[in-house]
Amino acid sequence: MTRRTRLWLLLFALVLVAAAAGFAAFQYSLSQRRFDAASLEVYYSRISVPSAQVVGQDEVNGGIAAAADYLRRFSEPSGQFVYLVNMNPSVTVPPAYSLLRHAGTIYSLGMANSVLPDESTVQVMKRATDFMRGCCLSRLDEASAFGIWEPPEIMHSASPPTYKLGGAGLGLMAMASIESIRPGTVPADEMLGLAALGRFLQRSNGDFHGSYVPSDGGKKPLQVLFYPGEMALG
């Protein structure tokens, strides 16, 4: 193949690419012009929102009791919760877990117990807190703090140790919940250490870094907007 022939083939290929790109842009523009929101506006204008109904205290307490009972029944002797119940056996669901949701569940059980005191709820909270402290609480000497991470055997995925601001905040909320019911359950230095991680990750303007990854340069930018609120509440 001569050089001239190669140049003609290259030019022909470029023309084809440009034509295809132009056609795609035309098709996208045409589809955009054809979209008519009028039907959507009519549909949503016909939706009637039911007026708010007064819910009695008995109904509210019944809902709280049912939710707390579910969480108690779906807690393991180890302190873990059943993370997911798959109702369709034909669907394969990969194993997963979240220590942030684990800690949040402890906190929610504490809220339920404040309304409907139940010793079995407290026992689940204690087991779950002991599990969290045993598997996932680490001392971070370089930060003069404690952090909570998600080990691969818990998460079912490999990743470097990552100490999230939200994990520390939710962990602190969980610990404070059981501590308010059973003082002495959690060592004070662990709770103060989680609070110290929040200070370690806070910037001079009051904003926060999102996590601390020792093996990857340290502090990482905030990507989850509710982490600072969780730390503040903790």
Protein backbone atom coordinates (compact mmCIF):
# COMPACT_ATOMS: atom_id res chain seq x y z
CA MET A 1 0.00 0.00 0.00
CA THR A 2 1.46 3.35 -1.09
CA ARG A 3 1.71 6.36 1.16
CA ARG A 4 -0.85 8.18 -0.96
CA THR A 5 -3.33 5.33 -0.59
CA ARG A 6 -2.86 5.29 3.20
CA LEU A 7 -3.50 9.04 3.37
CA TRP A 8 -6.74 8.65 1.36
CA LEU A 9 -7.91 5.85 3.62
CA LEU A 10 -7.13 7.92 6.73
CA LEU A 11 -9.02 10.90 5.29
CA PHE A 12 -11.99 8.67 4.45
CA ALA A 13 -12.03 7.25 8.00
CA LEU A 14 -11.98 10.75 9.49
CA VAL A 15 -14.92 11.75 7.30
CA LEU A 16 -16.90 8.71 8.46
CA VAL A 17 -16.19 9.48 12.14
CA ALA A 18 -17.22 13.11 11.72
CA ALA A 19 -20.41 12.08 9.93
CA ALA A 20 -21.31 9.58 12.64
CA ALA A 21 -20.69 12.16 15.37
CA GLY A 22 -22.80 14.72 13.57
CA PHE A 23 -25.65 12.25 13.09
CA ALA A 24 -25.58 11.29 16.78
CA ALA A 25 -25.69 14.95 17.80
CA PHE A 26 -28.60 15.53 15.43
CA GLN A 27 -30.50 12.55 16.82
CA TYR A 28 -29.93 13.75 20.41
CA SER A 29 -31.03 17.27 19.51
CA LEU A 30 -34.12 15.91 17.76
CA SER A 31 -35.07 13.73 20.72
CA GLN A 32 -34.65 16.70 23.06
CA ARG A 33 -36.93 18.87 20.92
CA ARG A 34 -39.60 16.18 20.78
CA PHE A 35 -39.88 15.86 24.56
CA ASP A 36 -43.14 17.39 25.77
CA ALA A 37 -43.58 17.97 29.49
CA ALA A 38 -47.27 18.83 29.17
CA SER A 39 -48.40 15.25 29.78
CA LEU A 40 -46.31 15.08 32.95
CA GLU A 41 -47.72 18.36 34.19
CA VAL A 42 -51.26 17.08 33.68
CA TYR A 43 -50.44 13.80 35.44
CA TYR A 44 -48.97 15.46 38.53
CA SER A 45 -51.69 18.09 38.66
CA ARG A 46 -54.26 15.31 39.10
CA ILE A 47 -52.49 13.68 42.02
CA SER A 48 -54.32 14.47 45.24
CA VAL A 49 -52.33 14.38 48.45
CA PRO A 50 -54.44 13.04 51.32
CA SER A 51 -54.83 15.38 54.23
CA ALA A 52 -52.77 14.65 57.31
CA GLN A 53 -54.37 12.34 59.81
CA VAL A 54 -53.90 12.49 63.55
CA VAL A 55 -52.12 9.35 64.76
CA GLY A 56 -52.78 8.32 68.31
CA GLN A 57 -50.07 7.57 70.83
CA ASP A 58 -51.02 3.90 70.91
CA GLU A 59 -50.45 3.60 67.16
CA VAL A 60 -47.09 5.36 67.41
CA ASN A 61 -46.00 3.13 70.28
CA GLY A 62 -47.18 0.10 68.34
CA GLY A 63 -44.96 1.03 65.42
CA ILE A 64 -41.98 1.60 67.72
CA ALA A 65 -42.55 -1.73 69.44
CA ALA A 66 -42.85 -3.59 66.11
CA ALA A 67 -39.64 -2.05 64.73
CA ALA A 68 -37.69 -2.75 67.92
CA ASP A 69 -38.99 -6.32 67.96
CA TYR A 70 -37.81 -6.85 64.39
CA LEU A 71 -34.32 -5.59 65.22
CA ARG A 72 -34.14 -7.79 68.31
CA ARG A 73 -35.23 -10.88 66.34
CA PHE A 74 -32.78 -10.19 63.54
CA SER A 75 -29.74 -9.76 65.76
CA GLU A 76 -27.13 -12.50 66.05
CA PRO A 77 -25.62 -13.86 69.29
CA SER A 78 -22.32 -12.35 68.07
CA GLY A 79 -23.82 -8.87 68.20
CA GLN A 80 -24.15 -8.43 64.44
CA PHE A 81 -27.49 -7.68 62.85
CA VAL A 82 -28.97 -9.49 59.87
CA TYR A 83 -28.10 -6.91 57.25
CA LEU A 84 -30.41 -8.05 54.48
CA VAL A 85 -33.34 -10.45 54.21
CA ASN A 86 -33.70 -11.71 50.65
CA MET A 87 -37.33 -12.62 49.92
CA ASN A 88 -36.57 -14.02 46.45
CA PRO A 89 -34.39 -17.17 46.53
CA SER A 90 -33.87 -16.96 42.77
CA VAL A 91 -31.93 -13.72 43.21
CA THR A 92 -28.34 -14.05 44.37
CA VAL A 93 -27.42 -11.25 46.73
CA PRO A 94 -23.71 -10.81 47.51
CA PRO A 95 -22.84 -10.61 51.21
CA ALA A 96 -22.46 -7.10 52.62
CA TYR A 97 -22.42 -5.22 55.89
CA SER A 98 -22.10 -1.63 57.07
CA LEU A 99 -20.65 -0.62 60.42
CA LEU A 100 -22.19 2.83 60.01
CA ARG A 101 -25.67 1.32 59.83
CA HIS A 102 -24.76 -1.10 62.61
CA ALA A 103 -23.96 1.84 64.89
CA GLY A 104 -27.05 3.73 63.76
CA THR A 105 -29.19 0.72 64.65
CA ILE A 106 -27.81 0.71 68.19
CA TYR A 107 -28.69 4.39 68.48
CA SER A 108 -32.23 3.82 67.18
CA LEU A 109 -32.75 0.97 69.65
CA GLY A 110 -31.72 3.37 72.40
CA MET A 111 -34.35 5.84 71.22
CA ALA A 112 -36.96 3.07 71.19
CA ASN A 113 -35.97 2.01 74.69
CA SER A 114 -36.42 5.56 75.97
CA VAL A 115 -40.09 5.31 74.96
CA LEU A 116 -40.74 1.63 75.66
CA PRO A 117 -38.14 0.34 78.14
CA ASP A 118 -37.33 -3.31 77.55
CA GLU A 119 -34.42 -5.25 79.01
CA SER A 120 -34.17 -7.42 75.89
CA THR A 121 -33.61 -4.28 73.82
CA VAL A 122 -30.82 -3.21 76.14
CA GLN A 123 -29.17 -6.63 75.87
CA VAL A 124 -29.18 -6.42 72.07
CA MET A 125 -27.67 -2.93 72.27
CA LYS A 126 -24.93 -4.17 74.58
CA ARG A 127 -24.05 -7.16 72.39
CA ALA A 128 -23.99 -5.00 69.29
CA THR A 129 -21.79 -2.40 70.99
CA ASP A 130 -19.38 -5.06 72.23
CA PHE A 131 -19.18 -6.48 68.70
CA MET A 132 -18.41 -3.04 67.24
CA ARG A 133 -15.75 -2.32 69.82
CA GLY A 134 -14.16 -5.73 69.37
CA CYS A 135 -14.02 -5.89 65.58
CA CYS A 136 -13.67 -2.36 64.43
CA LEU A 137 -12.41 0.09 67.05
CA SER A 138 -8.75 0.99 66.59
CA ARG A 139 -6.37 3.29 68.41
CA LEU A 140 -4.76 5.87 66.10
CA ASP A 141 -1.66 7.05 67.92
CA GLU A 142 -0.66 9.52 65.19
CA ALA A 143 -4.03 11.26 65.61
CA SER A 144 -4.22 10.78 69.39
CA ALA A 145 -7.66 9.35 68.75
CA PHE A 146 -9.76 6.23 68.21
CA GLY A 147 -11.38 5.37 64.90
CA ILE A 148 -13.88 2.83 63.60
CA TRP A 149 -13.10 0.94 60.41
CA GLU A 150 -14.73 -1.89 58.46
CA PRO A 151 -12.48 -4.98 58.27
CA PRO A 152 -12.60 -7.07 55.05
CA GLU A 153 -14.10 -10.06 56.86
CA ILE A 154 -16.99 -7.84 57.98
CA MET A 155 -17.42 -5.88 54.75
CA HIS A 156 -16.74 -8.84 52.44
CA SER A 157 -14.49 -6.61 50.35
CA ALA A 158 -10.83 -5.70 50.45
CA SER A 159 -9.91 -2.09 51.11
CA PRO A 160 -7.24 -0.30 53.15
CA PRO A 161 -8.18 0.70 56.70
CA THR A 162 -10.39 3.77 56.37
CA TYR A 163 -11.60 5.73 59.39
CA LYS A 164 -14.69 7.72 58.40
CA LEU A 165 -15.89 10.81 60.18
CA GLY A 166 -19.43 9.42 60.07
CA GLY A 167 -18.30 6.10 61.49
CA ALA A 168 -16.74 7.82 64.47
CA GLY A 169 -19.81 10.02 64.97
CA LEU A 170 -22.30 7.16 64.73
CA GLY A 171 -20.09 4.95 66.88
CA LEU A 172 -20.02 7.65 69.51
CA MET A 173 -23.80 8.02 69.31
CA ALA A 174 -24.21 4.27 69.78
CA MET A 175 -21.84 4.16 72.73
CA ALA A 176 -23.49 7.15 74.36
CA SER A 177 -26.89 5.45 73.95
CA ILE A 178 -25.95 2.28 75.82
CA GLU A 179 -23.87 4.23 78.31
CA SER A 180 -26.88 6.37 79.24
CA ILE A 181 -28.80 3.17 80.05
CA ARG A 182 -25.98 1.05 81.50
CA PRO A 183 -23.24 3.35 82.81
CA GLY A 184 -19.82 1.75 82.68
CA THR A 185 -20.52 -0.34 79.57
CA VAL A 186 -18.03 1.61 77.43
CA PRO A 187 -14.64 2.88 78.66
CA ALA A 188 -14.59 6.67 78.71
CA ASP A 189 -11.28 6.85 76.83
CA GLU A 190 -12.83 5.13 73.82
CA MET A 191 -15.68 7.62 73.64
CA LEU A 192 -13.33 10.56 74.13
CA GLY A 193 -11.03 9.05 71.49
CA LEU A 194 -13.79 8.97 68.89
CA ALA A 195 -14.60 12.59 69.67
CA ALA A 196 -10.88 13.36 69.24
CA LEU A 197 -10.99 11.93 65.72
CA GLY A 198 -13.70 14.49 64.93
CA ARG A 199 -11.40 17.27 66.13
CA PHE A 200 -8.51 15.74 64.17
CA LEU A 201 -10.56 15.79 60.96
CA GLN A 202 -11.96 19.28 61.49
CA ARG A 203 -10.46 22.09 59.44
CA SER A 204 -9.66 25.58 60.70
CA ASN A 205 -12.79 27.04 59.08
CA GLY A 206 -15.07 24.61 60.94
CA ASP A 207 -15.56 22.28 57.97
CA PHE A 208 -14.43 18.64 58.09
CA HIS A 209 -12.36 16.17 56.17
CA GLY A 210 -14.43 13.07 55.41
CA SER A 211 -12.08 10.28 56.44
CA TYR A 212 -8.57 9.30 57.45
CA VAL A 213 -6.70 6.68 55.39
CA PRO A 214 -3.21 6.17 56.90
CA SER A 215 -1.96 4.11 53.94
CA ASP A 216 -3.06 6.66 51.34
CA GLY A 217 -1.85 10.04 52.45
CA GLY A 218 -4.01 10.59 55.52
CA LYS A 219 -6.98 12.96 55.52
CA LYS A 220 -9.44 12.74 52.62
CA PRO A 221 -12.02 15.32 51.39
CA LEU A 222 -15.57 15.19 52.66
CA GLN A 223 -17.87 13.37 50.22
CA VAL A 224 -20.85 12.50 52.43
CA LEU A 225 -22.62 15.65 53.62
CA PHE A 226 -24.25 14.17 56.74
CA TYR A 227 -20.99 12.97 58.34
CA PRO A 228 -20.35 16.29 60.16
CA GLY A 229 -23.87 16.24 61.63
CA GLU A 230 -23.36 12.69 62.88
CA MET A 231 -20.11 13.68 64.57
CA ALA A 232 -21.69 16.78 66.09
CA LEU A 233 -24.62 14.76 67.43
CA GLY A 234 -22.21 12.16 68.85
